[in-house]
Amino acid sequence: MAKNDPYATFRPVGGRIVPLVVAGLCVMIFTVVAIALPSEGKPSFSVGDKTFIWMIGVGFALVLWRFAQVRAIPTPEGIEVHNLVVTRQVPWSQIVEVQFGGGQAWAVLELDDFDTLPVMGIQRSDGPRATAEAQRLAALVQAHSTRGPDSER
């Protein structure tokens, strides 16, 4: 997608790089530890023990990989928010406003049913880029809003 595309996917930068690097390190470290454990003598570790230790590292890496997959995909119809566990599709008409301040770690959508939905694809740790992305999301919400400026929820 073009850099100025208002419907470009919202993805964190630091929130993707750090978990992916740490995931790779987890796999490498747990692999080295599993290989280095003694197979003979006291204590000794079986192939099953070593495999289990390696699988723990892979498990950590998978959780970290999931952190790197958070994103929000806007379309003309609404936005699909992929957070750590939950993926939710929200039509633009249900979004009242975008909140990004007060020390929040990521942008938050305020919905017309008084619920809120965190958008982990826009993370404060990205600094000025995150602020610009939150403003782009707010502009999309405003552009697709069916409410007037003085309307109530």
C-alpha atoms as a PDB file:
ATOM      1  CA  MET A   1       0.000   0.000   0.000  1.00  0.00           C
ATOM      2  CA  ALA A   2       1.068   3.546  -0.612  1.00  0.00           C
ATOM      3  CA  LYS A   3       2.555   5.450   2.301  1.00  0.00           C
ATOM      4  CA  ASN A   4      -0.255   8.046   2.212  1.00  0.00           C
ATOM      5  CA  ASP A   5      -3.022   5.435   2.031  1.00  0.00           C
ATOM      6  CA  PRO A   6      -5.540   6.193   4.807  1.00  0.00           C
ATOM      7  CA  TYR A   7      -6.514   2.496   4.817  1.00  0.00           C
ATOM      8  CA  ALA A   8      -2.963   1.247   5.413  1.00  0.00           C
ATOM      9  CA  THR A   9      -2.712  -1.326   8.199  1.00  0.00           C
ATOM     10  CA  PHE A  10      -1.825  -0.002  11.644  1.00  0.00           C
ATOM     11  CA  ARG A  11       1.196  -1.925  12.999  1.00  0.00           C
ATOM     12  CA  PRO A  12       3.589  -1.041  15.799  1.00  0.00           C
ATOM     13  CA  VAL A  13       7.275  -0.748  14.927  1.00  0.00           C
ATOM     14  CA  GLY A  14       9.040  -1.373  18.242  1.00  0.00           C
ATOM     15  CA  GLY A  15       6.231  -3.654  19.328  1.00  0.00           C
ATOM     16  CA  ARG A  16       7.063  -5.919  16.391  1.00  0.00           C
ATOM     17  CA  ILE A  17      10.857  -5.803  16.296  1.00  0.00           C
ATOM     18  CA  VAL A  18      11.540  -6.454  19.986  1.00  0.00           C
ATOM     19  CA  PRO A  19       9.298  -9.535  20.363  1.00  0.00           C
ATOM     20  CA  LEU A  20      10.619 -11.075  17.139  1.00  0.00           C
ATOM     21  CA  VAL A  21      14.253 -10.593  18.181  1.00  0.00           C
ATOM     22  CA  VAL A  22      13.584 -11.950  21.664  1.00  0.00           C
ATOM     23  CA  ALA A  23      11.644 -14.904  20.171  1.00  0.00           C
ATOM     24  CA  GLY A  24      14.638 -15.788  18.020  1.00  0.00           C
ATOM     25  CA  LEU A  25      16.938 -15.508  21.034  1.00  0.00           C
ATOM     26  CA  CYS A  26      14.634 -17.762  23.082  1.00  0.00           C
ATOM     27  CA  VAL A  27      14.759 -20.495  20.479  1.00  0.00           C
ATOM     28  CA  MET A  28      18.545 -20.199  20.142  1.00  0.00           C
ATOM     29  CA  ILE A  29      19.235 -20.132  23.891  1.00  0.00           C
ATOM     30  CA  PHE A  30      16.900 -23.011  24.730  1.00  0.00           C
ATOM     31  CA  THR A  31      18.341 -25.027  21.831  1.00  0.00           C
ATOM     32  CA  VAL A  32      21.911 -24.480  23.056  1.00  0.00           C
ATOM     33  CA  VAL A  33      20.925 -25.335  26.639  1.00  0.00           C
ATOM     34  CA  ALA A  34      19.107 -28.505  25.529  1.00  0.00           C
ATOM     35  CA  ILE A  35      22.101 -29.635  23.472  1.00  0.00           C
ATOM     36  CA  ALA A  36      24.616 -28.766  26.208  1.00  0.00           C
ATOM     37  CA  LEU A  37      22.868 -30.724  28.953  1.00  0.00           C
ATOM     38  CA  PRO A  38      24.749 -33.934  29.804  1.00  0.00           C
ATOM     39  CA  SER A  39      23.331 -37.220  28.550  1.00  0.00           C
ATOM     40  CA  GLU A  40      25.536 -39.352  30.813  1.00  0.00           C
ATOM     41  CA  GLY A  41      26.757 -39.086  34.376  1.00  0.00           C
ATOM     42  CA  LYS A  42      25.060 -37.281  37.232  1.00  0.00           C
ATOM     43  CA  PRO A  43      22.800 -35.513  36.506  1.00  0.00           C
ATOM     44  CA  SER A  44      21.819 -36.883  33.128  1.00  0.00           C
ATOM     45  CA  PHE A  45      19.080 -35.731  30.812  1.00  0.00           C
ATOM     46  CA  SER A  46      17.209 -37.973  28.389  1.00  0.00           C
ATOM     47  CA  VAL A  47      16.289 -37.007  24.838  1.00  0.00           C
ATOM     48  CA  GLY A  48      12.762 -36.428  26.144  1.00  0.00           C
ATOM     49  CA  ASP A  49      14.039 -34.015  28.798  1.00  0.00           C
ATOM     50  CA  LYS A  50      16.062 -32.096  26.240  1.00  0.00           C
ATOM     51  CA  THR A  51      13.149 -31.999  23.818  1.00  0.00           C
ATOM     52  CA  PHE A  52      10.885 -30.674  26.564  1.00  0.00           C
ATOM     53  CA  ILE A  53      13.359 -27.913  27.419  1.00  0.00           C
ATOM     54  CA  TRP A  54      13.618 -26.975  23.743  1.00  0.00           C
ATOM     55  CA  MET A  55       9.792 -26.950  23.465  1.00  0.00           C
ATOM     56  CA  ILE A  56       9.596 -24.486  26.357  1.00  0.00           C
ATOM     57  CA  GLY A  57      11.785 -22.103  24.339  1.00  0.00           C
ATOM     58  CA  VAL A  58       9.598 -22.610  21.266  1.00  0.00           C
ATOM     59  CA  GLY A  59       6.517 -21.944  23.423  1.00  0.00           C
ATOM     60  CA  PHE A  60       7.977 -18.652  24.640  1.00  0.00           C
ATOM     61  CA  ALA A  61       8.840 -17.774  21.047  1.00  0.00           C
ATOM     62  CA  LEU A  62       5.268 -18.459  19.892  1.00  0.00           C
ATOM     63  CA  VAL A  63       3.830 -16.185  22.573  1.00  0.00           C
ATOM     64  CA  LEU A  64       6.290 -13.450  21.593  1.00  0.00           C
ATOM     65  CA  TRP A  65       5.472 -14.004  17.906  1.00  0.00           C
ATOM     66  CA  ARG A  66       1.802 -13.375  18.767  1.00  0.00           C
ATOM     67  CA  PHE A  67       2.796 -10.048  20.328  1.00  0.00           C
ATOM     68  CA  ALA A  68       4.407  -9.137  17.000  1.00  0.00           C
ATOM     69  CA  GLN A  69       1.181  -9.910  15.098  1.00  0.00           C
ATOM     70  CA  VAL A  70      -1.027  -7.231  16.667  1.00  0.00           C
ATOM     71  CA  ARG A  71      -2.483  -4.895  14.064  1.00  0.00           C
ATOM     72  CA  ALA A  72      -5.600  -3.057  12.958  1.00  0.00           C
ATOM     73  CA  ILE A  73      -6.840  -3.256   9.383  1.00  0.00           C
ATOM     74  CA  PRO A  74      -9.116  -0.404   8.302  1.00  0.00           C
ATOM     75  CA  THR A  75     -11.481  -0.793   5.349  1.00  0.00           C
ATOM     76  CA  PRO A  76     -14.222   1.442   3.972  1.00  0.00           C
ATOM     77  CA  GLU A  77     -16.713  -0.598   6.040  1.00  0.00           C
ATOM     78  CA  GLY A  78     -14.935  -0.599   9.403  1.00  0.00           C
ATOM     79  CA  ILE A  79     -11.837  -1.741  11.215  1.00  0.00           C
ATOM     80  CA  GLU A  80     -10.622  -5.231  12.091  1.00  0.00           C
ATOM     81  CA  VAL A  81      -8.593  -5.121  15.308  1.00  0.00           C
ATOM     82  CA  HIS A  82      -6.177  -8.017  15.955  1.00  0.00           C
ATOM     83  CA  ASN A  83      -5.004  -7.886  19.569  1.00  0.00           C
ATOM     84  CA  LEU A  84      -3.165 -10.604  21.491  1.00  0.00           C
ATOM     85  CA  VAL A  85      -6.090 -12.934  22.029  1.00  0.00           C
ATOM     86  CA  VAL A  86      -9.157 -11.346  20.470  1.00  0.00           C
ATOM     87  CA  THR A  87      -9.820 -10.278  16.895  1.00  0.00           C
ATOM     88  CA  ARG A  88     -12.826  -8.026  16.494  1.00  0.00           C
ATOM     89  CA  GLN A  89     -14.403  -6.353  13.484  1.00  0.00           C
ATOM     90  CA  VAL A  90     -16.128  -3.042  14.223  1.00  0.00           C
ATOM     91  CA  PRO A  91     -18.116  -0.984  11.715  1.00  0.00           C
ATOM     92  CA  TRP A  92     -17.228   2.711  11.630  1.00  0.00           C
ATOM     93  CA  SER A  93     -20.773   3.588  12.746  1.00  0.00           C
ATOM     94  CA  GLN A  94     -20.159   1.960  16.153  1.00  0.00           C
ATOM     95  CA  ILE A  95     -17.028   4.002  16.933  1.00  0.00           C
ATOM     96  CA  VAL A  96     -17.627   7.202  18.890  1.00  0.00           C
ATOM     97  CA  GLU A  97     -14.030   8.393  19.283  1.00  0.00           C
ATOM     98  CA  VAL A  98     -10.379   7.438  19.424  1.00  0.00           C
ATOM     99  CA  GLN A  99      -8.547   7.966  22.712  1.00  0.00           C
ATOM    100  CA  PHE A 100      -4.765   8.177  22.837  1.00  0.00           C
ATOM    101  CA  GLY A 101      -3.506   9.965  25.871  1.00  0.00           C
ATOM    102  CA  GLY A 102      -3.390   9.958  29.614  1.00  0.00           C
ATOM    103  CA  GLY A 103      -0.553   7.460  29.733  1.00  0.00           C
ATOM    104  CA  GLN A 104      -2.392   4.752  27.789  1.00  0.00           C
ATOM    105  CA  ALA A 105      -0.044   2.202  26.226  1.00  0.00           C
ATOM    106  CA  TRP A 106      -2.061   2.060  22.990  1.00  0.00           C
ATOM    107  CA  ALA A 107      -4.970   3.709  21.238  1.00  0.00           C
ATOM    108  CA  VAL A 108      -8.458   2.890  22.497  1.00  0.00           C
ATOM    109  CA  LEU A 109     -11.720   3.009  20.550  1.00  0.00           C
ATOM    110  CA  GLU A 110     -14.747   4.207  22.463  1.00  0.00           C
ATOM    111  CA  LEU A 111     -17.786   2.382  21.095  1.00  0.00           C
ATOM    112  CA  ASP A 112     -21.437   3.434  20.990  1.00  0.00           C
ATOM    113  CA  ASP A 113     -22.406   0.684  23.481  1.00  0.00           C
ATOM    114  CA  PHE A 114     -20.150   2.337  26.109  1.00  0.00           C
ATOM    115  CA  ASP A 115     -17.553  -0.403  25.641  1.00  0.00           C
ATOM    116  CA  THR A 116     -13.928   0.270  24.769  1.00  0.00           C
ATOM    117  CA  LEU A 117     -11.619  -1.628  22.454  1.00  0.00           C
ATOM    118  CA  PRO A 118      -7.838  -1.314  22.717  1.00  0.00           C
ATOM    119  CA  VAL A 119      -6.017  -1.016  19.393  1.00  0.00           C
ATOM    120  CA  MET A 120      -2.639  -2.568  20.154  1.00  0.00           C
ATOM    121  CA  GLY A 121      -1.527  -1.845  16.590  1.00  0.00           C
ATOM    122  CA  ILE A 122      -0.950   1.778  17.665  1.00  0.00           C
ATOM    123  CA  GLN A 123       1.489   1.746  20.592  1.00  0.00           C
ATOM    124  CA  ARG A 124       2.743   4.773  22.502  1.00  0.00           C
ATOM    125  CA  SER A 125       6.255   3.294  22.491  1.00  0.00           C
ATOM    126  CA  ASP A 126       6.483   4.314  18.815  1.00  0.00           C
ATOM    127  CA  GLY A 127       6.533   7.974  19.894  1.00  0.00           C
ATOM    128  CA  PRO A 128       5.583  10.615  17.295  1.00  0.00           C
ATOM    129  CA  ARG A 129       4.764   7.907  14.749  1.00  0.00           C
ATOM    130  CA  ALA A 130       2.133   6.506  17.140  1.00  0.00           C
ATOM    131  CA  THR A 131       0.592   9.951  17.597  1.00  0.00           C
ATOM    132  CA  ALA A 132       0.363  10.390  13.829  1.00  0.00           C
ATOM    133  CA  GLU A 133      -1.197   6.939  13.457  1.00  0.00           C
ATOM    134  CA  ALA A 134      -3.760   7.703  16.192  1.00  0.00           C
ATOM    135  CA  GLN A 135      -4.604  10.932  14.356  1.00  0.00           C
ATOM    136  CA  ARG A 136      -5.002   9.005  11.098  1.00  0.00           C
ATOM    137  CA  LEU A 137      -7.354   6.564  12.839  1.00  0.00           C
ATOM    138  CA  ALA A 138      -9.327   9.457  14.347  1.00  0.00           C
ATOM    139  CA  ALA A 139      -9.599  11.037  10.889  1.00  0.00           C
ATOM    140  CA  LEU A 140     -10.945   7.763   9.480  1.00  0.00           C
ATOM    141  CA  VAL A 141     -13.498   7.567  12.283  1.00  0.00           C
ATOM    142  CA  GLN A 142     -14.503  11.182  11.632  1.00  0.00           C
ATOM    143  CA  ALA A 143     -14.714  10.652   7.858  1.00  0.00           C
ATOM    144  CA  HIS A 144     -16.994   7.635   8.288  1.00  0.00           C
ATOM    145  CA  SER A 145     -19.044   9.072  11.141  1.00  0.00           C
ATOM    146  CA  THR A 146     -22.802   9.195  10.652  1.00  0.00           C
ATOM    147  CA  ARG A 147     -23.195  11.416  13.701  1.00  0.00           C
ATOM    148  CA  GLY A 148     -23.292  15.149  13.612  1.00  0.00           C
ATOM    149  CA  PRO A 149     -20.844  17.130  15.738  1.00  0.00           C
ATOM    150  CA  ASP A 150     -23.528  17.788  18.389  1.00  0.00           C
ATOM    151  CA  SER A 151     -25.111  14.333  18.455  1.00  0.00           C
ATOM    152  CA  GLU A 152     -25.194  12.200  21.565  1.00  0.00           C
ATOM    153  CA  ARG A 153     -24.464   8.529  21.847  1.00  0.00           C
END
